[in-house]
Amino acid sequence: LSISFDRSIGGTMSPEVGGPNQPYQVYIDLSKSVQTKVRRDSWDLGFYNGSYFRVVLNGSIYMATKALTETDITKVTKASVNSILASVAVGTFSDSNKDFVDHPAGDILKTAIAEVKENDAENPVYLLNLGYEVGNTTPSAGSVAIAGSARGYKKVRFLKRGEDYLVQYANLDDTTFQEKTIKKNSTHNFTFLNLVTNSETSVEPEKLQWDLNFTVFTNLIEGNGSYGYSDFVVNNLKAGVKAYRVDVSSSVTYDNFNESMIDEVKFQNDQRVIGDSWRQVTSPQTIYTDRFYVLKDAENNYYKIKMTSFINASGIRGNPSFEYKLIK
């Protein structure tokens, strides 16, 4: 009998999102049983490293964007965009604002910023709402304080230079702008840029080295557009990590679920399978015990996952934990 110890057979994990301000995004690699945490305000834009030229927003700080008709970044001013500033935002409860955020299912072809074109003249300037700083107030037990001060706006434009991205960006009333070349890196889903420090920054682990991300998240509410969620969990769909939910029944439980019960057809092309579906934040705050999740990672390891908490013994939010076990 040969037993491989190069992958975790399971256990329990407590992602360190940082309490009720949830300042960290935490990336989980189930097969190695490791977590990687980063400040969720440490980046603004993610440049896709796959075959498409797509740029994503940092939804964990509620960023939003809108394409303008102008292609000259120096001609955009605060006065020229003042009439749309309030509407290009998350949480306005207007259905139209769903167009100003990346589609939350995770389809790279449904980003708020359009595919960067070869022809410079086809690439518009974007108004960029930078969202909010991480909150720093202490809420009452059971509540969260996610959003701090508004971070303001920038104007940005994205161009192609061979196989590289070229991004131009500035404050709204600046008459000059900064440029940054972003090279693709095939080991990661994205290369990340911090517009405040004008530098690339490390966020996600390599694309084959994480499965789940515990994070604040911009989701959609049917008919009401984009809205911010805390205690959210996404799977690494860009690298092929998929999941589906299993409802507990008299014949199917977390404990007895085994390889023969896996249904390949149920794996979803949506990174929100766990999402917010594992907890109830209204009173009484609780974990749903009538469901668990099956995940297939990028290396075809199959795990079952059961969420076990999102508050600590004192009722403080931002303290998630889960149990998982290798199925095959």
C-alpha atoms as a PDB file:
ATOM      1  CA  LEU A   1       0.000   0.000   0.000  1.00  0.00           C
ATOM      2  CA  SER A   2       1.426   3.363  -1.099  1.00  0.00           C
ATOM      3  CA  ILE A   3       0.158   6.489   0.661  1.00  0.00           C
ATOM      4  CA  SER A   4       0.898   9.979  -0.649  1.00  0.00           C
ATOM      5  CA  PHE A   5       1.361  12.780   1.880  1.00  0.00           C
ATOM      6  CA  ASP A   6       1.743  15.564  -0.678  1.00  0.00           C
ATOM      7  CA  ARG A   7      -1.828  16.735  -0.194  1.00  0.00           C
ATOM      8  CA  SER A   8      -3.877  17.428   2.902  1.00  0.00           C
ATOM      9  CA  ILE A   9      -6.536  14.881   3.773  1.00  0.00           C
ATOM     10  CA  GLY A  10      -8.479  17.592   5.586  1.00  0.00           C
ATOM     11  CA  GLY A  11      -8.889  19.285   8.917  1.00  0.00           C
ATOM     12  CA  THR A  12     -10.193  22.593  10.256  1.00  0.00           C
ATOM     13  CA  MET A  13      -9.134  26.109   9.307  1.00  0.00           C
ATOM     14  CA  SER A  14      -9.883  29.589  10.635  1.00  0.00           C
ATOM     15  CA  PRO A  15      -9.206  32.212   7.925  1.00  0.00           C
ATOM     16  CA  GLU A  16      -7.758  35.339   9.548  1.00  0.00           C
ATOM     17  CA  VAL A  17      -9.975  38.002   7.961  1.00  0.00           C
ATOM     18  CA  GLY A  18      -9.382  40.253  10.955  1.00  0.00           C
ATOM     19  CA  GLY A  19     -12.615  40.693  12.877  1.00  0.00           C
ATOM     20  CA  PRO A  20     -15.573  43.014  12.186  1.00  0.00           C
ATOM     21  CA  ASN A  21     -13.633  45.411   9.897  1.00  0.00           C
ATOM     22  CA  GLN A  22     -12.544  42.385   7.861  1.00  0.00           C
ATOM     23  CA  PRO A  23      -9.356  44.125   6.640  1.00  0.00           C
ATOM     24  CA  TYR A  24      -7.884  41.004   5.028  1.00  0.00           C
ATOM     25  CA  GLN A  25      -8.616  38.864   2.034  1.00  0.00           C
ATOM     26  CA  VAL A  26      -7.547  35.326   2.893  1.00  0.00           C
ATOM     27  CA  TYR A  27      -6.569  32.802   0.215  1.00  0.00           C
ATOM     28  CA  ILE A  28      -6.863  29.135   1.144  1.00  0.00           C
ATOM     29  CA  ASP A  29      -4.988  26.218  -0.425  1.00  0.00           C
ATOM     30  CA  LEU A  30      -6.863  23.130   0.747  1.00  0.00           C
ATOM     31  CA  SER A  31      -4.382  20.549  -0.526  1.00  0.00           C
ATOM     32  CA  LYS A  32      -1.560  22.215   1.428  1.00  0.00           C
ATOM     33  CA  SER A  33      -3.738  23.404   4.320  1.00  0.00           C
ATOM     34  CA  VAL A  34      -2.247  26.916   4.180  1.00  0.00           C
ATOM     35  CA  GLN A  35      -3.721  30.395   4.157  1.00  0.00           C
ATOM     36  CA  THR A  36      -2.326  33.642   2.734  1.00  0.00           C
ATOM     37  CA  LYS A  37      -3.741  36.977   3.859  1.00  0.00           C
ATOM     38  CA  VAL A  38      -3.397  40.408   2.253  1.00  0.00           C
ATOM     39  CA  ARG A  39      -4.867  43.794   3.090  1.00  0.00           C
ATOM     40  CA  ARG A  40      -7.901  44.199   0.869  1.00  0.00           C
ATOM     41  CA  ASP A  41      -7.023  47.869   0.221  1.00  0.00           C
ATOM     42  CA  SER A  42      -3.500  47.021  -0.952  1.00  0.00           C
ATOM     43  CA  TRP A  43      -4.514  46.921  -4.632  1.00  0.00           C
ATOM     44  CA  ASP A  44      -6.847  48.684  -7.053  1.00  0.00           C
ATOM     45  CA  LEU A  45      -6.699  46.934 -10.422  1.00  0.00           C
ATOM     46  CA  GLY A  46      -5.948  43.381 -11.529  1.00  0.00           C
ATOM     47  CA  PHE A  47      -4.551  42.793 -15.039  1.00  0.00           C
ATOM     48  CA  TYR A  48      -5.533  39.399 -16.424  1.00  0.00           C
ATOM     49  CA  ASN A  49      -2.621  37.145 -17.344  1.00  0.00           C
ATOM     50  CA  GLY A  50      -4.594  34.806 -19.601  1.00  0.00           C
ATOM     51  CA  SER A  51      -5.212  35.149 -23.333  1.00  0.00           C
ATOM     52  CA  TYR A  52      -7.606  38.090 -22.986  1.00  0.00           C
ATOM     53  CA  PHE A  53      -6.646  41.679 -22.211  1.00  0.00           C
ATOM     54  CA  ARG A  54      -9.024  42.333 -19.345  1.00  0.00           C
ATOM     55  CA  VAL A  55      -8.748  44.418 -16.190  1.00  0.00           C
ATOM     56  CA  VAL A  56     -10.702  43.795 -12.979  1.00  0.00           C
ATOM     57  CA  LEU A  57     -11.689  46.104 -10.137  1.00  0.00           C
ATOM     58  CA  ASN A  58     -11.076  45.572  -6.442  1.00  0.00           C
ATOM     59  CA  GLY A  59     -14.617  44.669  -5.453  1.00  0.00           C
ATOM     60  CA  SER A  60     -13.580  44.118  -1.830  1.00  0.00           C
ATOM     61  CA  ILE A  61     -13.358  47.902  -1.366  1.00  0.00           C
ATOM     62  CA  TYR A  62     -16.452  48.592  -3.518  1.00  0.00           C
ATOM     63  CA  MET A  63     -14.781  50.087  -6.579  1.00  0.00           C
ATOM     64  CA  ALA A  64     -16.838  51.005  -9.663  1.00  0.00           C
ATOM     65  CA  THR A  65     -16.097  52.379 -13.128  1.00  0.00           C
ATOM     66  CA  LYS A  66     -17.752  53.820 -16.223  1.00  0.00           C
ATOM     67  CA  ALA A  67     -16.431  54.266 -19.746  1.00  0.00           C
ATOM     68  CA  LEU A  68     -16.500  57.863 -21.008  1.00  0.00           C
ATOM     69  CA  THR A  69     -16.800  59.064 -24.593  1.00  0.00           C
ATOM     70  CA  GLU A  70     -13.432  60.808 -24.328  1.00  0.00           C
ATOM     71  CA  THR A  71     -10.211  59.079 -25.414  1.00  0.00           C
ATOM     72  CA  ASP A  72      -7.823  61.853 -24.313  1.00  0.00           C
ATOM     73  CA  ILE A  73      -7.204  61.503 -20.575  1.00  0.00           C
ATOM     74  CA  THR A  74      -6.050  65.131 -20.274  1.00  0.00           C
ATOM     75  CA  LYS A  75      -9.468  66.393 -21.391  1.00  0.00           C
ATOM     76  CA  VAL A  76     -11.391  64.706 -18.576  1.00  0.00           C
ATOM     77  CA  THR A  77     -11.969  66.910 -15.532  1.00  0.00           C
ATOM     78  CA  LYS A  78     -14.067  66.731 -12.409  1.00  0.00           C
ATOM     79  CA  ALA A  79     -16.455  69.218 -13.972  1.00  0.00           C
ATOM     80  CA  SER A  80     -16.889  67.054 -17.056  1.00  0.00           C
ATOM     81  CA  VAL A  81     -17.900  63.994 -15.017  1.00  0.00           C
ATOM     82  CA  ASN A  82     -19.563  65.678 -12.056  1.00  0.00           C
ATOM     83  CA  SER A  83     -23.067  64.708 -13.173  1.00  0.00           C
ATOM     84  CA  ILE A  84     -22.284  60.969 -12.981  1.00  0.00           C
ATOM     85  CA  LEU A  85     -20.034  60.806  -9.909  1.00  0.00           C
ATOM     86  CA  ALA A  86     -22.803  59.779  -7.521  1.00  0.00           C
ATOM     87  CA  SER A  87     -24.212  57.083  -9.788  1.00  0.00           C
ATOM     88  CA  VAL A  88     -20.906  55.309 -10.527  1.00  0.00           C
ATOM     89  CA  ALA A  89     -20.851  53.551  -7.180  1.00  0.00           C
ATOM     90  CA  VAL A  90     -21.737  50.353  -5.368  1.00  0.00           C
ATOM     91  CA  GLY A  91     -24.901  50.229  -3.278  1.00  0.00           C
ATOM     92  CA  THR A  92     -27.015  52.927  -4.914  1.00  0.00           C
ATOM     93  CA  PHE A  93     -29.951  50.491  -5.221  1.00  0.00           C
ATOM     94  CA  SER A  94     -30.261  51.342  -8.905  1.00  0.00           C
ATOM     95  CA  ASP A  95     -30.308  48.316 -11.194  1.00  0.00           C
ATOM     96  CA  SER A  96     -28.262  50.179 -13.807  1.00  0.00           C
ATOM     97  CA  ASN A  97     -25.201  50.314 -11.560  1.00  0.00           C
ATOM     98  CA  LYS A  98     -24.561  46.621 -12.236  1.00  0.00           C
ATOM     99  CA  ASP A  99     -22.833  47.822 -15.415  1.00  0.00           C
ATOM    100  CA  PHE A 100     -20.227  49.667 -13.345  1.00  0.00           C
ATOM    101  CA  VAL A 101     -18.825  46.559 -11.601  1.00  0.00           C
ATOM    102  CA  ASP A 102     -17.358  43.244 -12.734  1.00  0.00           C
ATOM    103  CA  HIS A 103     -19.969  40.529 -12.999  1.00  0.00           C
ATOM    104  CA  PRO A 104     -19.672  38.694  -9.673  1.00  0.00           C
ATOM    105  CA  ALA A 105     -19.953  35.189 -11.162  1.00  0.00           C
ATOM    106  CA  GLY A 106     -16.316  35.607 -12.214  1.00  0.00           C
ATOM    107  CA  ASP A 107     -16.583  35.405 -16.007  1.00  0.00           C
ATOM    108  CA  ILE A 108     -13.482  37.247 -17.276  1.00  0.00           C
ATOM    109  CA  LEU A 109     -15.445  38.332 -20.375  1.00  0.00           C
ATOM    110  CA  LYS A 110     -17.916  40.269 -18.218  1.00  0.00           C
ATOM    111  CA  THR A 111     -15.670  42.868 -16.622  1.00  0.00           C
ATOM    112  CA  ALA A 112     -16.822  46.483 -16.265  1.00  0.00           C
ATOM    113  CA  ILE A 113     -13.728  47.539 -18.225  1.00  0.00           C
ATOM    114  CA  ALA A 114     -14.036  46.346 -21.818  1.00  0.00           C
ATOM    115  CA  GLU A 115     -11.444  44.231 -23.597  1.00  0.00           C
ATOM    116  CA  VAL A 116      -8.393  46.404 -24.293  1.00  0.00           C
ATOM    117  CA  LYS A 117      -8.228  46.923 -28.062  1.00  0.00           C
ATOM    118  CA  GLU A 118      -5.223  46.891 -30.401  1.00  0.00           C
ATOM    119  CA  ASN A 119      -6.251  50.266 -31.825  1.00  0.00           C
ATOM    120  CA  ASP A 120      -5.589  53.029 -29.273  1.00  0.00           C
ATOM    121  CA  ALA A 121      -8.477  55.101 -30.630  1.00  0.00           C
ATOM    122  CA  GLU A 122     -10.927  52.404 -29.526  1.00  0.00           C
ATOM    123  CA  ASN A 123      -9.872  52.538 -25.871  1.00  0.00           C
ATOM    124  CA  PRO A 124     -11.828  55.135 -23.882  1.00  0.00           C
ATOM    125  CA  VAL A 125     -10.984  56.934 -20.666  1.00  0.00           C
ATOM    126  CA  TYR A 126     -12.770  55.504 -17.620  1.00  0.00           C
ATOM    127  CA  LEU A 127     -14.053  57.276 -14.553  1.00  0.00           C
ATOM    128  CA  LEU A 128     -12.823  55.163 -11.641  1.00  0.00           C
ATOM    129  CA  ASN A 129     -14.496  55.260  -8.231  1.00  0.00           C
ATOM    130  CA  LEU A 130     -11.803  54.049  -5.822  1.00  0.00           C
ATOM    131  CA  GLY A 131     -14.313  52.819  -3.247  1.00  0.00           C
ATOM    132  CA  TYR A 132     -13.611  53.003   0.472  1.00  0.00           C
ATOM    133  CA  GLU A 133     -10.774  52.640   2.916  1.00  0.00           C
ATOM    134  CA  VAL A 134     -11.008  49.710   5.303  1.00  0.00           C
ATOM    135  CA  GLY A 135     -13.272  50.659   8.186  1.00  0.00           C
ATOM    136  CA  ASN A 136     -11.608  51.342  11.528  1.00  0.00           C
ATOM    137  CA  THR A 137     -14.529  51.783  13.920  1.00  0.00           C
ATOM    138  CA  THR A 138     -15.573  49.088  16.379  1.00  0.00           C
ATOM    139  CA  PRO A 139     -19.169  48.027  15.772  1.00  0.00           C
ATOM    140  CA  SER A 140     -21.449  46.372  18.285  1.00  0.00           C
ATOM    141  CA  ALA A 141     -21.225  42.591  18.612  1.00  0.00           C
ATOM    142  CA  GLY A 142     -22.785  40.879  15.619  1.00  0.00           C
ATOM    143  CA  SER A 143     -22.244  43.841  13.296  1.00  0.00           C
ATOM    144  CA  VAL A 144     -19.501  44.770  10.839  1.00  0.00           C
ATOM    145  CA  ALA A 145     -17.789  48.043   9.928  1.00  0.00           C
ATOM    146  CA  ILE A 146     -16.446  47.378   6.449  1.00  0.00           C
ATOM    147  CA  ALA A 147     -16.334  50.769   4.728  1.00  0.00           C
ATOM    148  CA  GLY A 148     -14.293  53.651   6.073  1.00  0.00           C
ATOM    149  CA  SER A 149     -13.674  56.978   4.321  1.00  0.00           C
ATOM    150  CA  ALA A 150     -14.312  57.342   0.588  1.00  0.00           C
ATOM    151  CA  ARG A 151     -11.094  57.100  -1.435  1.00  0.00           C
ATOM    152  CA  GLY A 152     -12.194  59.447  -4.201  1.00  0.00           C
ATOM    153  CA  TYR A 153     -11.871  59.104  -7.978  1.00  0.00           C
ATOM    154  CA  LYS A 154      -9.322  58.786 -10.732  1.00  0.00           C
ATOM    155  CA  LYS A 155      -9.404  58.799 -14.518  1.00  0.00           C
ATOM    156  CA  VAL A 156      -7.752  55.842 -16.231  1.00  0.00           C
ATOM    157  CA  ARG A 157      -7.130  54.505 -19.717  1.00  0.00           C
ATOM    158  CA  PHE A 158      -5.878  51.097 -20.832  1.00  0.00           C
ATOM    159  CA  LEU A 159      -3.816  50.412 -23.966  1.00  0.00           C
ATOM    160  CA  LYS A 160      -2.019  47.435 -25.511  1.00  0.00           C
ATOM    161  CA  ARG A 161       1.659  47.452 -26.243  1.00  0.00           C
ATOM    162  CA  GLY A 162       2.434  44.105 -27.846  1.00  0.00           C
ATOM    163  CA  GLU A 163       1.689  41.522 -25.160  1.00  0.00           C
ATOM    164  CA  ASP A 164       1.839  44.122 -22.382  1.00  0.00           C
ATOM    165  CA  TYR A 165      -0.713  46.452 -20.867  1.00  0.00           C
ATOM    166  CA  LEU A 166      -0.084  50.195 -20.680  1.00  0.00           C
ATOM    167  CA  VAL A 167      -2.226  52.016 -18.144  1.00  0.00           C
ATOM    168  CA  GLN A 168      -2.532  55.802 -17.946  1.00  0.00           C
ATOM    169  CA  TYR A 169      -4.004  57.313 -14.774  1.00  0.00           C
ATOM    170  CA  ALA A 170      -4.367  60.604 -12.930  1.00  0.00           C
ATOM    171  CA  ASN A 171      -6.530  62.540 -10.510  1.00  0.00           C
ATOM    172  CA  LEU A 172      -9.578  64.050 -12.162  1.00  0.00           C
ATOM    173  CA  ASP A 173      -8.268  67.601 -12.519  1.00  0.00           C
ATOM    174  CA  ASP A 174      -4.652  66.718 -13.324  1.00  0.00           C
ATOM    175  CA  THR A 175      -3.454  67.923 -16.721  1.00  0.00           C
ATOM    176  CA  THR A 176      -0.661  65.345 -16.772  1.00  0.00           C
ATOM    177  CA  PHE A 177      -0.837  61.629 -16.121  1.00  0.00           C
ATOM    178  CA  GLN A 178       1.273  58.689 -15.019  1.00  0.00           C
ATOM    179  CA  GLU A 179       1.919  55.606 -17.118  1.00  0.00           C
ATOM    180  CA  LYS A 180       2.706  52.088 -16.034  1.00  0.00           C
ATOM    181  CA  THR A 181       3.546  49.063 -18.160  1.00  0.00           C
ATOM    182  CA  ILE A 182       2.161  45.779 -16.845  1.00  0.00           C
ATOM    183  CA  LYS A 183       3.662  42.576 -18.186  1.00  0.00           C
ATOM    184  CA  LYS A 184       1.727  39.318 -18.194  1.00  0.00           C
ATOM    185  CA  ASN A 185       2.856  36.584 -15.819  1.00  0.00           C
ATOM    186  CA  SER A 186       1.462  33.147 -16.627  1.00  0.00           C
ATOM    187  CA  THR A 187       1.971  31.755 -13.114  1.00  0.00           C
ATOM    188  CA  HIS A 188      -0.742  34.004 -11.653  1.00  0.00           C
ATOM    189  CA  ASN A 189      -4.329  34.814 -12.608  1.00  0.00           C
ATOM    190  CA  PHE A 190      -3.652  38.556 -12.372  1.00  0.00           C
ATOM    191  CA  THR A 191      -0.913  41.121 -11.924  1.00  0.00           C
ATOM    192  CA  PHE A 192      -2.064  43.734  -9.426  1.00  0.00           C
ATOM    193  CA  LEU A 193      -1.492  47.496  -9.397  1.00  0.00           C
ATOM    194  CA  ASN A 194      -1.774  49.940  -6.509  1.00  0.00           C
ATOM    195  CA  LEU A 195      -2.613  53.355  -7.971  1.00  0.00           C
ATOM    196  CA  VAL A 196      -1.694  55.178  -4.759  1.00  0.00           C
ATOM    197  CA  THR A 197       1.850  53.806  -4.498  1.00  0.00           C
ATOM    198  CA  ASN A 198       2.174  53.565  -8.300  1.00  0.00           C
ATOM    199  CA  SER A 199       3.531  50.057  -8.007  1.00  0.00           C
ATOM    200  CA  GLU A 200       2.700  46.425  -8.635  1.00  0.00           C
ATOM    201  CA  THR A 201       1.798  44.527  -5.501  1.00  0.00           C
ATOM    202  CA  SER A 202       1.562  40.871  -4.493  1.00  0.00           C
ATOM    203  CA  VAL A 203      -2.012  39.789  -3.788  1.00  0.00           C
ATOM    204  CA  GLU A 204      -3.103  36.324  -4.923  1.00  0.00           C
ATOM    205  CA  PRO A 205      -0.796  33.326  -4.575  1.00  0.00           C
ATOM    206  CA  GLU A 206       0.129  31.537  -7.793  1.00  0.00           C
ATOM    207  CA  LYS A 207      -3.023  30.422  -9.583  1.00  0.00           C
ATOM    208  CA  LEU A 208      -2.533  26.725  -8.805  1.00  0.00           C
ATOM    209  CA  GLN A 209      -1.876  27.444  -5.135  1.00  0.00           C
ATOM    210  CA  TRP A 210      -5.232  28.626  -3.875  1.00  0.00           C
ATOM    211  CA  ASP A 211      -8.790  27.331  -3.920  1.00  0.00           C
ATOM    212  CA  LEU A 212     -10.918  29.661  -1.782  1.00  0.00           C
ATOM    213  CA  ASN A 213     -10.848  33.358  -0.951  1.00  0.00           C
ATOM    214  CA  PHE A 214     -12.556  34.680   2.171  1.00  0.00           C
ATOM    215  CA  THR A 215     -13.242  38.323   1.397  1.00  0.00           C
ATOM    216  CA  VAL A 216     -15.535  41.316   1.368  1.00  0.00           C
ATOM    217  CA  PHE A 217     -17.258  41.164  -2.012  1.00  0.00           C
ATOM    218  CA  THR A 218     -19.325  43.179  -4.487  1.00  0.00           C
ATOM    219  CA  ASN A 219     -22.325  41.072  -5.482  1.00  0.00           C
ATOM    220  CA  LEU A 220     -25.600  41.810  -7.269  1.00  0.00           C
ATOM    221  CA  ILE A 221     -29.116  42.024  -5.856  1.00  0.00           C
ATOM    222  CA  GLU A 222     -31.736  41.280  -8.488  1.00  0.00           C
ATOM    223  CA  GLY A 223     -33.386  44.540  -9.529  1.00  0.00           C
ATOM    224  CA  ASN A 224     -31.217  46.672  -7.218  1.00  0.00           C
ATOM    225  CA  GLY A 225     -27.789  46.487  -8.826  1.00  0.00           C
ATOM    226  CA  SER A 226     -24.495  46.015  -6.985  1.00  0.00           C
ATOM    227  CA  TYR A 227     -24.202  45.696  -3.230  1.00  0.00           C
ATOM    228  CA  GLY A 228     -21.392  44.968  -0.791  1.00  0.00           C
ATOM    229  CA  TYR A 229     -21.247  41.727   1.188  1.00  0.00           C
ATOM    230  CA  SER A 230     -19.082  40.743   4.126  1.00  0.00           C
ATOM    231  CA  ASP A 231     -18.224  37.148   5.133  1.00  0.00           C
ATOM    232  CA  PHE A 232     -18.100  36.101   1.487  1.00  0.00           C
ATOM    233  CA  VAL A 233     -16.295  33.081   0.007  1.00  0.00           C
ATOM    234  CA  VAL A 234     -15.295  32.658  -3.642  1.00  0.00           C
ATOM    235  CA  ASN A 235     -13.616  29.719  -5.357  1.00  0.00           C
ATOM    236  CA  ASN A 236     -10.718  30.120  -7.798  1.00  0.00           C
ATOM    237  CA  LEU A 237     -12.755  29.775 -10.987  1.00  0.00           C
ATOM    238  CA  LYS A 238     -10.067  31.423 -13.144  1.00  0.00           C
ATOM    239  CA  ALA A 239      -7.798  28.447 -12.452  1.00  0.00           C
ATOM    240  CA  GLY A 240     -10.585  25.916 -12.903  1.00  0.00           C
ATOM    241  CA  VAL A 241     -11.566  25.401  -9.266  1.00  0.00           C
ATOM    242  CA  LYS A 242     -15.290  24.574  -9.184  1.00  0.00           C
ATOM    243  CA  ALA A 243     -17.809  23.692  -6.519  1.00  0.00           C
ATOM    244  CA  TYR A 244     -21.429  22.855  -5.867  1.00  0.00           C
ATOM    245  CA  ARG A 245     -23.729  22.816  -2.871  1.00  0.00           C
ATOM    246  CA  VAL A 246     -25.135  19.636  -1.343  1.00  0.00           C
ATOM    247  CA  ASP A 247     -28.345  19.790   0.685  1.00  0.00           C
ATOM    248  CA  VAL A 248     -28.424  17.492   3.687  1.00  0.00           C
ATOM    249  CA  SER A 249     -31.121  14.814   3.649  1.00  0.00           C
ATOM    250  CA  SER A 250     -31.935  11.587   5.466  1.00  0.00           C
ATOM    251  CA  SER A 251     -29.633   9.728   3.078  1.00  0.00           C
ATOM    252  CA  VAL A 252     -26.956  12.366   2.375  1.00  0.00           C
ATOM    253  CA  THR A 253     -24.937  13.953   5.160  1.00  0.00           C
ATOM    254  CA  TYR A 254     -21.541  15.579   5.377  1.00  0.00           C
ATOM    255  CA  ASP A 255     -20.175  12.578   7.263  1.00  0.00           C
ATOM    256  CA  ASN A 256     -21.381   9.899   4.855  1.00  0.00           C
ATOM    257  CA  PHE A 257     -20.754  11.797   1.596  1.00  0.00           C
ATOM    258  CA  ASN A 258     -18.220   9.791  -0.426  1.00  0.00           C
ATOM    259  CA  GLU A 259     -16.673   9.461  -3.867  1.00  0.00           C
ATOM    260  CA  SER A 260     -19.644   7.551  -5.306  1.00  0.00           C
ATOM    261  CA  MET A 261     -21.948  10.488  -4.536  1.00  0.00           C
ATOM    262  CA  ILE A 262     -19.988  13.106  -6.518  1.00  0.00           C
ATOM    263  CA  ASP A 263     -22.018  14.504  -9.413  1.00  0.00           C
ATOM    264  CA  GLU A 264     -19.719  16.086 -12.011  1.00  0.00           C
ATOM    265  CA  VAL A 265     -22.663  17.745 -13.764  1.00  0.00           C
ATOM    266  CA  LYS A 266     -23.356  19.918 -10.720  1.00  0.00           C
ATOM    267  CA  PHE A 267     -20.028  21.741 -10.663  1.00  0.00           C
ATOM    268  CA  GLN A 268     -20.806  25.377 -11.500  1.00  0.00           C
ATOM    269  CA  ASN A 269     -19.117  28.014 -13.654  1.00  0.00           C
ATOM    270  CA  ASP A 270     -19.668  30.533 -10.871  1.00  0.00           C
ATOM    271  CA  GLN A 271     -17.193  31.587  -8.196  1.00  0.00           C
ATOM    272  CA  ARG A 272     -20.011  32.324  -5.702  1.00  0.00           C
ATOM    273  CA  VAL A 273     -21.139  28.755  -4.961  1.00  0.00           C
ATOM    274  CA  ILE A 274     -20.320  29.217  -1.267  1.00  0.00           C
ATOM    275  CA  GLY A 275     -20.644  32.996  -1.420  1.00  0.00           C
ATOM    276  CA  ASP A 276     -22.892  34.199   1.398  1.00  0.00           C
ATOM    277  CA  SER A 277     -25.098  31.091   1.331  1.00  0.00           C
ATOM    278  CA  TRP A 278     -23.467  29.556   4.404  1.00  0.00           C
ATOM    279  CA  ARG A 279     -24.527  32.003   7.102  1.00  0.00           C
ATOM    280  CA  GLN A 280     -27.465  34.047   8.364  1.00  0.00           C
ATOM    281  CA  VAL A 281     -26.442  37.522   9.499  1.00  0.00           C
ATOM    282  CA  THR A 282     -29.835  38.608  10.823  1.00  0.00           C
ATOM    283  CA  SER A 283     -30.922  37.558  14.290  1.00  0.00           C
ATOM    284  CA  PRO A 284     -30.486  34.793  15.248  1.00  0.00           C
ATOM    285  CA  GLN A 285     -27.055  34.770  13.648  1.00  0.00           C
ATOM    286  CA  THR A 286     -26.203  31.238  12.690  1.00  0.00           C
ATOM    287  CA  ILE A 287     -24.424  28.865  10.322  1.00  0.00           C
ATOM    288  CA  TYR A 288     -26.704  26.866   8.052  1.00  0.00           C
ATOM    289  CA  THR A 289     -26.256  23.220   9.006  1.00  0.00           C
ATOM    290  CA  ASP A 290     -28.527  21.874   6.267  1.00  0.00           C
ATOM    291  CA  ARG A 291     -25.872  22.192   3.561  1.00  0.00           C
ATOM    292  CA  PHE A 292     -22.237  21.629   2.732  1.00  0.00           C
ATOM    293  CA  TYR A 293     -20.113  22.011  -0.402  1.00  0.00           C
ATOM    294  CA  VAL A 294     -18.073  19.836  -2.740  1.00  0.00           C
ATOM    295  CA  LEU A 295     -15.014  21.399  -4.379  1.00  0.00           C
ATOM    296  CA  LYS A 296     -12.774  20.139  -7.168  1.00  0.00           C
ATOM    297  CA  ASP A 297      -9.427  21.907  -7.247  1.00  0.00           C
ATOM    298  CA  ALA A 298      -7.193  22.605 -10.246  1.00  0.00           C
ATOM    299  CA  GLU A 299      -5.308  19.360  -9.666  1.00  0.00           C
ATOM    300  CA  ASN A 300      -8.483  17.234  -9.487  1.00  0.00           C
ATOM    301  CA  ASN A 301      -8.490  16.779  -5.744  1.00  0.00           C
ATOM    302  CA  TYR A 302     -12.048  16.581  -4.437  1.00  0.00           C
ATOM    303  CA  TYR A 303     -12.951  17.975  -1.015  1.00  0.00           C
ATOM    304  CA  LYS A 304     -16.137  18.312   0.983  1.00  0.00           C
ATOM    305  CA  ILE A 305     -16.401  21.527   2.989  1.00  0.00           C
ATOM    306  CA  LYS A 306     -18.600  22.346   5.971  1.00  0.00           C
ATOM    307  CA  MET A 307     -18.694  25.889   7.351  1.00  0.00           C
ATOM    308  CA  THR A 308     -18.625  25.971  11.144  1.00  0.00           C
ATOM    309  CA  SER A 309     -18.651  29.623  12.287  1.00  0.00           C
ATOM    310  CA  PHE A 310     -18.470  33.269  11.295  1.00  0.00           C
ATOM    311  CA  ILE A 311     -18.613  34.777  14.803  1.00  0.00           C
ATOM    312  CA  ASN A 312     -16.499  33.986  17.854  1.00  0.00           C
ATOM    313  CA  ALA A 313     -17.644  33.046  21.358  1.00  0.00           C
ATOM    314  CA  SER A 314     -18.289  36.727  22.113  1.00  0.00           C
ATOM    315  CA  GLY A 315     -20.483  37.166  19.036  1.00  0.00           C
ATOM    316  CA  ILE A 316     -17.849  39.173  17.146  1.00  0.00           C
ATOM    317  CA  ARG A 317     -18.079  38.965  13.350  1.00  0.00           C
ATOM    318  CA  GLY A 318     -15.161  38.317  11.034  1.00  0.00           C
ATOM    319  CA  ASN A 319     -14.142  35.050  12.676  1.00  0.00           C
ATOM    320  CA  PRO A 320     -14.926  32.324  10.118  1.00  0.00           C
ATOM    321  CA  SER A 321     -13.967  28.689  10.376  1.00  0.00           C
ATOM    322  CA  PHE A 322     -14.632  25.572   8.367  1.00  0.00           C
ATOM    323  CA  GLU A 323     -14.001  21.839   8.272  1.00  0.00           C
ATOM    324  CA  TYR A 324     -12.936  19.978   5.149  1.00  0.00           C
ATOM    325  CA  LYS A 325     -12.061  16.447   4.129  1.00  0.00           C
ATOM    326  CA  LEU A 326     -10.474  14.876   1.063  1.00  0.00           C
ATOM    327  CA  ILE A 327     -12.945  12.697  -0.852  1.00  0.00           C
ATOM    328  CA  LYS A 328     -10.581  11.471  -3.556  1.00  0.00           C
END
